[in-house]
Structures are given as C-alpha cells and as structure tokens.
Amino acid sequence: MTADLRLYVRDGCPLCDEFLLELGLDLGPGFEPDAVDVDADPALAARYGLRVPVLEQGGAVICEGRYDRDRVRRALRL
C-alpha cells in the first residue's frame, strides 16, 4: 500500500520536516518513505520549485505544501 510513496523534499525545509514527521505518525514505526531531495537534480528543482514537500503515490500527487491528513488517509485507505 505504501511501497510506491515518494516524498519530494528540500534540505533545510521546515515544512518538509513537519510533513515527514506527521506522515510517519500516520504510517507508524519502521516506515521510511522514498524521500527525494529536489535540489540534487536540476530537472526536479525546476519541476517542483518552491512547491515542496510533495507526496506522490504512483506518480499522482496526494498533497503538497502542508500535510493534509484526510487526503493522505483517503489515498492510502488508512
């Protein structure tokens, strides 16, 4: 269910840190999302710009910016 989750983040981003914390609380211990630093790839930096954090599942955006617990739970059927 959560295997194809990808979280686009940026180092030093407080929103990203908060998003990751809340996602971890919802998904439980031992879950480590596929976190991708957008600044490590110029194409990703251009694509996401200041939109991070962005949570995707199978390439579809679940939510971006602030963590939206309802959308995440609906998308992941939690």
C-alpha atoms as a PDB file:
ATOM      1  CA  MET A   1       0.000   0.000   0.000  1.00  0.00           C
ATOM      2  CA  THR A   2       2.747   2.488   0.877  1.00  0.00           C
ATOM      3  CA  ALA A   3       5.529   0.964  -1.214  1.00  0.00           C
ATOM      4  CA  ASP A   4       5.128   3.378  -4.095  1.00  0.00           C
ATOM      5  CA  LEU A   5       5.066   6.559  -1.998  1.00  0.00           C
ATOM      6  CA  ARG A   6       7.571   9.214  -2.899  1.00  0.00           C
ATOM      7  CA  LEU A   7       8.121  12.421  -0.957  1.00  0.00           C
ATOM      8  CA  TYR A   8       9.878  15.295  -2.693  1.00  0.00           C
ATOM      9  CA  VAL A   9      11.721  17.471  -0.174  1.00  0.00           C
ATOM     10  CA  ARG A  10      14.477  20.025   0.181  1.00  0.00           C
ATOM     11  CA  ASP A  11      17.234  20.123   2.820  1.00  0.00           C
ATOM     12  CA  GLY A  12      16.632  22.753   5.482  1.00  0.00           C
ATOM     13  CA  CYS A  13      12.903  22.954   4.703  1.00  0.00           C
ATOM     14  CA  PRO A  14      10.854  23.224   7.934  1.00  0.00           C
ATOM     15  CA  LEU A  15       7.632  22.306   6.092  1.00  0.00           C
ATOM     16  CA  CYS A  16       9.339  19.184   4.759  1.00  0.00           C
ATOM     17  CA  ASP A  17      10.485  18.191   8.244  1.00  0.00           C
ATOM     18  CA  GLU A  18       6.993  18.708   9.688  1.00  0.00           C
ATOM     19  CA  PHE A  19       5.387  16.837   6.776  1.00  0.00           C
ATOM     20  CA  LEU A  20       7.723  13.872   7.242  1.00  0.00           C
ATOM     21  CA  LEU A  21       7.031  13.774  10.984  1.00  0.00           C
ATOM     22  CA  GLU A  22       3.246  13.781  10.517  1.00  0.00           C
ATOM     23  CA  LEU A  23       3.424  11.197   7.740  1.00  0.00           C
ATOM     24  CA  GLY A  24       5.495   8.954   9.999  1.00  0.00           C
ATOM     25  CA  LEU A  25       2.960   9.312  12.806  1.00  0.00           C
ATOM     26  CA  ASP A  26       0.166   8.194  10.472  1.00  0.00           C
ATOM     27  CA  LEU A  27       2.072   5.329   8.856  1.00  0.00           C
ATOM     28  CA  GLY A  28       3.702   4.007  12.010  1.00  0.00           C
ATOM     29  CA  PRO A  29       7.147   2.896  13.117  1.00  0.00           C
ATOM     30  CA  GLY A  30       9.502   1.406  10.605  1.00  0.00           C
ATOM     31  CA  PHE A  31       8.073   3.303   7.668  1.00  0.00           C
ATOM     32  CA  GLU A  32      10.646   5.203   5.654  1.00  0.00           C
ATOM     33  CA  PRO A  33       9.298   6.946   2.570  1.00  0.00           C
ATOM     34  CA  ASP A  34      11.265   7.256  -0.616  1.00  0.00           C
ATOM     35  CA  ALA A  35      12.390  10.831   0.092  1.00  0.00           C
ATOM     36  CA  VAL A  36      13.939  12.646  -2.849  1.00  0.00           C
ATOM     37  CA  ASP A  37      15.913  15.892  -2.469  1.00  0.00           C
ATOM     38  CA  VAL A  38      14.742  18.042  -5.378  1.00  0.00           C
ATOM     39  CA  ASP A  39      17.895  20.149  -5.251  1.00  0.00           C
ATOM     40  CA  ALA A  40      20.025  17.097  -6.118  1.00  0.00           C
ATOM     41  CA  ASP A  41      18.562  17.078  -9.640  1.00  0.00           C
ATOM     42  CA  PRO A  42      18.158  20.290 -11.690  1.00  0.00           C
ATOM     43  CA  ALA A  43      15.133  18.844 -13.515  1.00  0.00           C
ATOM     44  CA  LEU A  44      13.368  18.104 -10.215  1.00  0.00           C
ATOM     45  CA  ALA A  45      14.305  21.517  -8.829  1.00  0.00           C
ATOM     46  CA  ALA A  46      12.768  23.127 -11.915  1.00  0.00           C
ATOM     47  CA  ARG A  47       9.671  20.903 -11.750  1.00  0.00           C
ATOM     48  CA  TYR A  48       8.922  21.391  -8.049  1.00  0.00           C
ATOM     49  CA  GLY A  49      10.483  24.776  -7.331  1.00  0.00           C
ATOM     50  CA  LEU A  50       9.049  26.045  -4.064  1.00  0.00           C
ATOM     51  CA  ARG A  51       6.161  23.532  -4.056  1.00  0.00           C
ATOM     52  CA  VAL A  52       7.902  21.080  -1.711  1.00  0.00           C
ATOM     53  CA  PRO A  53       7.052  18.967   0.132  1.00  0.00           C
ATOM     54  CA  VAL A  54       5.080  16.943  -2.395  1.00  0.00           C
ATOM     55  CA  LEU A  55       3.774  13.467  -1.613  1.00  0.00           C
ATOM     56  CA  GLU A  56       3.035  11.236  -4.590  1.00  0.00           C
ATOM     57  CA  GLN A  57       1.786   7.699  -4.948  1.00  0.00           C
ATOM     58  CA  GLY A  58       2.374   6.028  -8.276  1.00  0.00           C
ATOM     59  CA  GLY A  59       3.115   9.437  -9.814  1.00  0.00           C
ATOM     60  CA  ALA A  60      -0.180  11.016  -8.652  1.00  0.00           C
ATOM     61  CA  VAL A  61       0.062  13.899  -6.195  1.00  0.00           C
ATOM     62  CA  ILE A  62      -1.657  13.189  -2.881  1.00  0.00           C
ATOM     63  CA  CYS A  63      -0.818  16.522  -1.278  1.00  0.00           C
ATOM     64  CA  GLU A  64       1.787  19.243  -1.278  1.00  0.00           C
ATOM     65  CA  GLY A  65       2.901  22.040   0.999  1.00  0.00           C
ATOM     66  CA  ARG A  66       1.172  21.362   4.297  1.00  0.00           C
ATOM     67  CA  TYR A  67       0.359  17.844   5.394  1.00  0.00           C
ATOM     68  CA  ASP A  68      -3.284  17.005   4.691  1.00  0.00           C
ATOM     69  CA  ARG A  69      -4.092  14.058   6.938  1.00  0.00           C
ATOM     70  CA  ASP A  70      -7.549  13.484   5.420  1.00  0.00           C
ATOM     71  CA  ARG A  71      -6.231  13.318   1.855  1.00  0.00           C
ATOM     72  CA  VAL A  72      -3.366  11.019   2.866  1.00  0.00           C
ATOM     73  CA  ARG A  73      -5.675   8.683   4.773  1.00  0.00           C
ATOM     74  CA  ARG A  74      -8.150   8.556   1.886  1.00  0.00           C
ATOM     75  CA  ALA A  75      -5.433   7.931  -0.681  1.00  0.00           C
ATOM     76  CA  LEU A  76      -3.764   5.218   1.398  1.00  0.00           C
ATOM     77  CA  ARG A  77      -7.009   3.823   2.808  1.00  0.00           C
ATOM     78  CA  LEU A  78      -5.852   4.199   6.416  1.00  0.00           C
END
